[in-house]
Amino acid sequence: MSLIVGLVYFSATGNTRTIATVMKNELEAKEVIVKEFDITSLTDRETEIPFSEFNYIIFGFPIYGRKIPVVTKKWLATISGNNQRCGMFFTYGGPMRGGIHNETRALLEARNFVVIASAELLGKHSFNVAKGWELLKGHPNVDDFDITKEYTHKLLEKFTRAIIEPIEFLVAEDNLLPLDPNRKRIRMITQHPTRRDKECCMCRDCEELCSTGAFSADFGKADTEKCILCMRCVSICPDQVIEINDMTECFQDFVESLGLTPELLASRKSQYFI
């Protein structure tokens, strides 16, 4: 009987979805049945996922400021496993990983899932949609995909072991400079997504697929109280008329205050823990 794996992920700008697709293809090549669930939009997270129907589960999330998105943390509190084995993977744009592996494992184990492995995989930064902001441009690349494939094969093998050894995440510190207390918060100097051009086909994807229900297609802007700056509306707009402000000055302040030298960013590599 074929194994059934649930592949559940949040992907606002496409990094996590791209990695999930690579994993899905590798699993299906091994004749594993993959049930895919994109939980990025608010309405998708309101749909019940039949976890009991899967042999194993893989969860994928982006890293926002060393954490998974707040909306996915809230969503995790609503689901429940049955001591099912699961793997995790995280995509990030280079600056900070923090304690993402242990923190998310704790969240999943509190919901009766058994975490057996994790991975951190490079992808372009979410704010790369803005003029003047460039972090990890060109990722995920071939090297990241190779690591993803290797991780997928090892994860599948570990899923089916009779006995699972406890996993430890020996993750190096982010090795960043302390935040400059005089630096303005990114949220304070980042304009929320706004429609700049009236030449819009009004497909309403920005509104219907918003991760928090924040964007209004009629008014052409996001509710600042609901918006989490995930940049999904900017990324999926077919007419490319939704934008945020020029981030050139902010980017320079950001990389300097955190000590994000080209050498440090170049040292970032995708890796897994299994």
Foldseek 3Di string as FASTA:
>chain_A
DAAEEEEEEEDQQCQQVVLSVLLVVLCVVVVHHYHYQHQQAPVSLVDDDPQVVHQEYEYEAEADPQEGPPVVLVSLVVAAHQQHEYEYEYEYQFQANHPHVVVVCVSNVVRNYHYQKYWYAYDWHLCVLAAQAGTSPPPPDPQRSVQSSVVSVVVVVQSPDPDGDDFDDPDDHSPWAPADPPQDDPLVPKAFKFFADPPAPLPCCLQRRHSFNFADSVRGTGDSVRDPSSCNSCNPRPVNRIHMHHCNVVNVSVCVRTVVDPVSSVPDHIHMTD
